[in-house]
């Protein structure tokens, strides 16, 4: 009889150990998975980035009156409340470091290049903006996430950014009131 009680206790402990191992394994996985090259989206303006599985994508094209000219926006709509999101925007004019400092930016690095980071915390989420000059073109990377996820869970996706060859369809002729330098009016 004693052996039956021991075997039963050992069985319960073994099942509990397996359950704990599964919970720990699942808990250690990044909440959004790892970047997969199959999820790379390429903007006609000449840049690409990998989006997380099952995230919606919005693509934006040049609008000379706004700061951002071409952009991707990604949202995990499965999460209710404050969903996680990130965006990459190609800016139509360079950022002035003095202006970034006035906004509270601190110097950092992005893909080995100098960059500027602005962080804002709200009640339910954190917003991070990274401004980077990549080969003479300024980009803004924006990360909005609930506090329950670490920034590191989306960093591999943002770091997947790379320059591509622009498609001719994005080369919009300048309006007659603008010069060919593509500078915004005023």
C-alpha atoms as a PDB file:
ATOM      1  CA  UNK A   1       0.000   0.000   0.000  1.00  0.00           C
ATOM      2  CA  UNK A   2       2.836   2.373   0.761  1.00  0.00           C
ATOM      3  CA  UNK A   3       4.239   1.912  -2.746  1.00  0.00           C
ATOM      4  CA  UNK A   4       0.877   2.894  -4.285  1.00  0.00           C
ATOM      5  CA  UNK A   5       0.783   6.136  -2.311  1.00  0.00           C
ATOM      6  CA  UNK A   6       4.362   6.943  -3.307  1.00  0.00           C
ATOM      7  CA  UNK A   7       3.664   6.232  -6.998  1.00  0.00           C
ATOM      8  CA  UNK A   8       0.547   8.408  -6.882  1.00  0.00           C
ATOM      9  CA  UNK A   9       2.474  11.278  -5.245  1.00  0.00           C
ATOM     10  CA  UNK A  10       5.305  10.869  -7.742  1.00  0.00           C
ATOM     11  CA  UNK A  11       2.803  10.936 -10.633  1.00  0.00           C
ATOM     12  CA  UNK A  12       1.163  14.124  -9.345  1.00  0.00           C
ATOM     13  CA  UNK A  13       4.583  15.771  -8.910  1.00  0.00           C
ATOM     14  CA  UNK A  14       5.611  14.721 -12.425  1.00  0.00           C
ATOM     15  CA  UNK A  15       2.428  16.184 -13.948  1.00  0.00           C
ATOM     16  CA  UNK A  16       2.894  19.391 -11.945  1.00  0.00           C
ATOM     17  CA  UNK A  17       6.513  19.672 -13.131  1.00  0.00           C
ATOM     18  CA  UNK A  18       5.437  19.264 -16.778  1.00  0.00           C
ATOM     19  CA  UNK A  19       2.738  21.936 -16.376  1.00  0.00           C
ATOM     20  CA  UNK A  20       5.237  24.347 -14.757  1.00  0.00           C
ATOM     21  CA  UNK A  21       7.739  23.724 -17.591  1.00  0.00           C
ATOM     22  CA  UNK A  22       5.094  24.448 -20.232  1.00  0.00           C
ATOM     23  CA  UNK A  23       3.982  27.654 -18.478  1.00  0.00           C
ATOM     24  CA  UNK A  24       7.591  28.848 -18.125  1.00  0.00           C
ATOM     25  CA  UNK A  25       8.378  28.020 -21.779  1.00  0.00           C
ATOM     26  CA  UNK A  26       5.297  29.861 -23.046  1.00  0.00           C
ATOM     27  CA  UNK A  27       5.965  32.780 -20.689  1.00  0.00           C
ATOM     28  CA  UNK A  28       9.523  33.173 -21.957  1.00  0.00           C
ATOM     29  CA  UNK A  29       8.432  33.421 -25.595  1.00  0.00           C
ATOM     30  CA  UNK A  30       8.225  36.950 -27.018  1.00  0.00           C
ATOM     31  CA  UNK A  31       4.539  37.963 -26.969  1.00  0.00           C
ATOM     32  CA  UNK A  32       4.631  38.856 -30.670  1.00  0.00           C
ATOM     33  CA  UNK A  33       6.864  36.036 -31.877  1.00  0.00           C
ATOM     34  CA  UNK A  34      10.107  36.484 -33.742  1.00  0.00           C
ATOM     35  CA  UNK A  35      10.480  38.433 -37.005  1.00  0.00           C
ATOM     36  CA  UNK A  36       9.958  36.215 -40.034  1.00  0.00           C
ATOM     37  CA  UNK A  37      11.268  37.371 -43.401  1.00  0.00           C
ATOM     38  CA  UNK A  38       7.989  36.165 -44.972  1.00  0.00           C
ATOM     39  CA  UNK A  39       6.266  39.044 -43.117  1.00  0.00           C
ATOM     40  CA  UNK A  40       8.509  41.747 -44.602  1.00  0.00           C
ATOM     41  CA  UNK A  41       6.524  44.585 -46.165  1.00  0.00           C
ATOM     42  CA  UNK A  42       8.193  46.919 -48.642  1.00  0.00           C
ATOM     43  CA  UNK A  43       7.116  50.495 -49.228  1.00  0.00           C
ATOM     44  CA  UNK A  44       7.334  51.810 -52.779  1.00  0.00           C
ATOM     45  CA  UNK A  45       9.366  54.740 -51.402  1.00  0.00           C
ATOM     46  CA  UNK A  46      12.325  52.442 -50.767  1.00  0.00           C
ATOM     47  CA  UNK A  47      12.226  50.976 -47.264  1.00  0.00           C
ATOM     48  CA  UNK A  48      10.954  47.790 -45.674  1.00  0.00           C
ATOM     49  CA  UNK A  49      10.292  46.296 -42.263  1.00  0.00           C
ATOM     50  CA  UNK A  50       9.028  43.000 -40.849  1.00  0.00           C
ATOM     51  CA  UNK A  51       5.641  43.086 -39.153  1.00  0.00           C
ATOM     52  CA  UNK A  52       4.491  40.653 -36.449  1.00  0.00           C
ATOM     53  CA  UNK A  53       2.211  37.772 -37.452  1.00  0.00           C
ATOM     54  CA  UNK A  54      -1.474  38.709 -37.726  1.00  0.00           C
ATOM     55  CA  UNK A  55      -0.963  42.463 -37.352  1.00  0.00           C
ATOM     56  CA  UNK A  56      -2.870  44.808 -39.652  1.00  0.00           C
ATOM     57  CA  UNK A  57      -0.876  47.096 -41.939  1.00  0.00           C
ATOM     58  CA  UNK A  58      -1.707  50.563 -43.225  1.00  0.00           C
ATOM     59  CA  UNK A  59       0.428  52.089 -45.971  1.00  0.00           C
ATOM     60  CA  UNK A  60       0.671  55.840 -46.461  1.00  0.00           C
ATOM     61  CA  UNK A  61       2.083  57.729 -49.433  1.00  0.00           C
ATOM     62  CA  UNK A  62       3.567  61.183 -49.947  1.00  0.00           C
ATOM     63  CA  UNK A  63       1.683  64.215 -48.724  1.00  0.00           C
ATOM     64  CA  UNK A  64       3.862  67.300 -49.085  1.00  0.00           C
ATOM     65  CA  UNK A  65       1.872  69.384 -46.586  1.00  0.00           C
ATOM     66  CA  UNK A  66       2.620  67.022 -43.710  1.00  0.00           C
ATOM     67  CA  UNK A  67       5.898  66.146 -42.019  1.00  0.00           C
ATOM     68  CA  UNK A  68       5.610  62.415 -42.719  1.00  0.00           C
ATOM     69  CA  UNK A  69       5.687  61.581 -46.385  1.00  0.00           C
ATOM     70  CA  UNK A  70       5.605  57.805 -46.637  1.00  0.00           C
ATOM     71  CA  UNK A  71       4.812  55.427 -43.819  1.00  0.00           C
ATOM     72  CA  UNK A  72       3.716  52.042 -42.555  1.00  0.00           C
ATOM     73  CA  UNK A  73       1.554  51.654 -39.476  1.00  0.00           C
ATOM     74  CA  UNK A  74       1.035  48.297 -37.751  1.00  0.00           C
ATOM     75  CA  UNK A  75      -1.536  47.419 -35.072  1.00  0.00           C
ATOM     76  CA  UNK A  76      -2.269  44.260 -33.110  1.00  0.00           C
ATOM     77  CA  UNK A  77      -6.037  44.606 -33.165  1.00  0.00           C
ATOM     78  CA  UNK A  78      -6.571  41.370 -31.246  1.00  0.00           C
ATOM     79  CA  UNK A  79      -5.739  43.184 -28.019  1.00  0.00           C
ATOM     80  CA  UNK A  80      -8.618  45.140 -26.513  1.00  0.00           C
ATOM     81  CA  UNK A  81      -8.158  48.448 -24.744  1.00  0.00           C
ATOM     82  CA  UNK A  82      -4.725  49.856 -25.545  1.00  0.00           C
ATOM     83  CA  UNK A  83      -3.401  47.746 -28.437  1.00  0.00           C
ATOM     84  CA  UNK A  84       0.258  47.518 -29.288  1.00  0.00           C
ATOM     85  CA  UNK A  85       1.290  49.417 -32.390  1.00  0.00           C
ATOM     86  CA  UNK A  86       4.328  50.665 -34.210  1.00  0.00           C
ATOM     87  CA  UNK A  87       5.001  52.747 -37.265  1.00  0.00           C
ATOM     88  CA  UNK A  88       7.867  53.783 -39.479  1.00  0.00           C
ATOM     89  CA  UNK A  89       7.624  57.123 -41.269  1.00  0.00           C
ATOM     90  CA  UNK A  90       9.919  58.628 -43.873  1.00  0.00           C
ATOM     91  CA  UNK A  91      10.051  62.343 -43.049  1.00  0.00           C
ATOM     92  CA  UNK A  92      10.026  64.972 -45.789  1.00  0.00           C
ATOM     93  CA  UNK A  93      12.425  67.305 -43.981  1.00  0.00           C
ATOM     94  CA  UNK A  94      15.334  66.781 -41.615  1.00  0.00           C
ATOM     95  CA  UNK A  95      14.783  67.046 -37.894  1.00  0.00           C
ATOM     96  CA  UNK A  96      16.741  69.731 -36.067  1.00  0.00           C
ATOM     97  CA  UNK A  97      18.568  68.295 -33.078  1.00  0.00           C
ATOM     98  CA  UNK A  98      17.784  71.434 -31.066  1.00  0.00           C
ATOM     99  CA  UNK A  99      14.044  70.889 -31.637  1.00  0.00           C
ATOM    100  CA  UNK A 100      14.344  67.248 -30.600  1.00  0.00           C
ATOM    101  CA  UNK A 101      16.171  68.237 -27.410  1.00  0.00           C
ATOM    102  CA  UNK A 102      13.404  70.735 -26.602  1.00  0.00           C
ATOM    103  CA  UNK A 103      10.924  67.853 -26.901  1.00  0.00           C
ATOM    104  CA  UNK A 104      12.939  65.914 -24.308  1.00  0.00           C
ATOM    105  CA  UNK A 105      14.894  63.687 -26.704  1.00  0.00           C
ATOM    106  CA  UNK A 106      18.008  61.883 -25.559  1.00  0.00           C
ATOM    107  CA  UNK A 107      20.769  60.701 -27.852  1.00  0.00           C
ATOM    108  CA  UNK A 108      20.783  56.971 -28.610  1.00  0.00           C
ATOM    109  CA  UNK A 109      21.670  54.699 -31.527  1.00  0.00           C
ATOM    110  CA  UNK A 110      19.623  52.907 -34.163  1.00  0.00           C
ATOM    111  CA  UNK A 111      21.328  50.215 -36.243  1.00  0.00           C
ATOM    112  CA  UNK A 112      24.689  51.700 -35.295  1.00  0.00           C
ATOM    113  CA  UNK A 113      23.724  55.227 -36.363  1.00  0.00           C
ATOM    114  CA  UNK A 114      23.130  58.243 -34.134  1.00  0.00           C
ATOM    115  CA  UNK A 115      19.462  58.644 -33.260  1.00  0.00           C
ATOM    116  CA  UNK A 116      17.236  60.555 -30.844  1.00  0.00           C
ATOM    117  CA  UNK A 117      14.691  58.979 -28.492  1.00  0.00           C
ATOM    118  CA  UNK A 118      11.620  60.561 -26.898  1.00  0.00           C
ATOM    119  CA  UNK A 119       9.662  58.547 -24.356  1.00  0.00           C
ATOM    120  CA  UNK A 120       6.273  59.349 -22.867  1.00  0.00           C
ATOM    121  CA  UNK A 121       4.399  57.287 -20.320  1.00  0.00           C
ATOM    122  CA  UNK A 122       0.660  57.436 -19.913  1.00  0.00           C
ATOM    123  CA  UNK A 123      -1.642  55.624 -17.543  1.00  0.00           C
ATOM    124  CA  UNK A 124      -2.109  52.526 -19.715  1.00  0.00           C
ATOM    125  CA  UNK A 125       0.638  52.756 -22.298  1.00  0.00           C
ATOM    126  CA  UNK A 126       4.087  53.933 -23.194  1.00  0.00           C
ATOM    127  CA  UNK A 127       4.943  55.848 -26.358  1.00  0.00           C
ATOM    128  CA  UNK A 128       8.480  55.807 -27.740  1.00  0.00           C
ATOM    129  CA  UNK A 129       9.694  57.806 -30.741  1.00  0.00           C
ATOM    130  CA  UNK A 130      13.074  57.259 -32.349  1.00  0.00           C
ATOM    131  CA  UNK A 131      14.303  59.765 -34.937  1.00  0.00           C
ATOM    132  CA  UNK A 132      17.172  58.523 -37.111  1.00  0.00           C
ATOM    133  CA  UNK A 133      19.090  59.948 -40.056  1.00  0.00           C
ATOM    134  CA  UNK A 134      19.680  56.954 -42.321  1.00  0.00           C
ATOM    135  CA  UNK A 135      21.870  57.742 -45.305  1.00  0.00           C
ATOM    136  CA  UNK A 136      20.685  61.354 -45.458  1.00  0.00           C
ATOM    137  CA  UNK A 137      16.956  60.569 -45.081  1.00  0.00           C
ATOM    138  CA  UNK A 138      15.215  61.062 -41.729  1.00  0.00           C
ATOM    139  CA  UNK A 139      12.915  58.340 -40.392  1.00  0.00           C
ATOM    140  CA  UNK A 140      10.643  58.291 -37.366  1.00  0.00           C
ATOM    141  CA  UNK A 141       9.982  54.987 -35.599  1.00  0.00           C
ATOM    142  CA  UNK A 142       7.023  55.154 -33.228  1.00  0.00           C
ATOM    143  CA  UNK A 143       6.182  52.444 -30.718  1.00  0.00           C
ATOM    144  CA  UNK A 144       2.990  52.511 -28.692  1.00  0.00           C
ATOM    145  CA  UNK A 145       2.503  49.654 -26.287  1.00  0.00           C
ATOM    146  CA  UNK A 146       0.603  48.732 -23.175  1.00  0.00           C
ATOM    147  CA  UNK A 147       2.760  48.609 -20.038  1.00  0.00           C
ATOM    148  CA  UNK A 148       2.191  44.844 -19.769  1.00  0.00           C
ATOM    149  CA  UNK A 149       4.639  44.217 -22.637  1.00  0.00           C
ATOM    150  CA  UNK A 150       8.312  45.055 -22.567  1.00  0.00           C
ATOM    151  CA  UNK A 151       9.777  47.297 -25.229  1.00  0.00           C
ATOM    152  CA  UNK A 152      12.123  44.451 -26.116  1.00  0.00           C
ATOM    153  CA  UNK A 153       9.187  42.429 -27.477  1.00  0.00           C
ATOM    154  CA  UNK A 154       8.860  44.770 -30.497  1.00  0.00           C
ATOM    155  CA  UNK A 155      12.480  45.914 -30.824  1.00  0.00           C
ATOM    156  CA  UNK A 156      13.460  43.034 -33.180  1.00  0.00           C
ATOM    157  CA  UNK A 157      10.710  44.118 -35.594  1.00  0.00           C
ATOM    158  CA  UNK A 158      11.805  47.770 -35.558  1.00  0.00           C
ATOM    159  CA  UNK A 159      15.428  46.688 -35.996  1.00  0.00           C
ATOM    160  CA  UNK A 160      14.409  44.736 -39.132  1.00  0.00           C
ATOM    161  CA  UNK A 161      14.131  48.076 -40.990  1.00  0.00           C
ATOM    162  CA  UNK A 162      16.222  48.338 -44.139  1.00  0.00           C
ATOM    163  CA  UNK A 163      16.518  50.536 -47.206  1.00  0.00           C
ATOM    164  CA  UNK A 164      15.294  49.187 -50.548  1.00  0.00           C
ATOM    165  CA  UNK A 165      15.276  50.487 -54.115  1.00  0.00           C
ATOM    166  CA  UNK A 166      12.392  52.965 -54.539  1.00  0.00           C
ATOM    167  CA  UNK A 167       9.812  52.219 -57.212  1.00  0.00           C
ATOM    168  CA  UNK A 168       9.348  54.910 -59.903  1.00  0.00           C
ATOM    169  CA  UNK A 169       5.647  55.207 -59.009  1.00  0.00           C
ATOM    170  CA  UNK A 170       6.610  57.062 -55.798  1.00  0.00           C
ATOM    171  CA  UNK A 171       8.519  59.779 -57.588  1.00  0.00           C
ATOM    172  CA  UNK A 172       5.782  62.404 -57.541  1.00  0.00           C
ATOM    173  CA  UNK A 173       6.498  65.503 -59.649  1.00  0.00           C
ATOM    174  CA  UNK A 174       6.741  68.703 -57.616  1.00  0.00           C
ATOM    175  CA  UNK A 175       3.822  71.129 -57.977  1.00  0.00           C
ATOM    176  CA  UNK A 176       4.513  74.205 -60.097  1.00  0.00           C
ATOM    177  CA  UNK A 177       4.846  76.344 -56.937  1.00  0.00           C
ATOM    178  CA  UNK A 178       7.641  74.122 -55.615  1.00  0.00           C
ATOM    179  CA  UNK A 179      11.155  73.628 -56.853  1.00  0.00           C
ATOM    180  CA  UNK A 180      12.538  70.252 -57.766  1.00  0.00           C
ATOM    181  CA  UNK A 181      14.380  70.075 -54.410  1.00  0.00           C
ATOM    182  CA  UNK A 182      11.261  68.521 -52.834  1.00  0.00           C
ATOM    183  CA  UNK A 183      11.335  71.033 -49.976  1.00  0.00           C
ATOM    184  CA  UNK A 184       7.948  71.745 -48.409  1.00  0.00           C
ATOM    185  CA  UNK A 185       6.511  75.191 -49.053  1.00  0.00           C
ATOM    186  CA  UNK A 186       7.122  77.951 -46.512  1.00  0.00           C
END
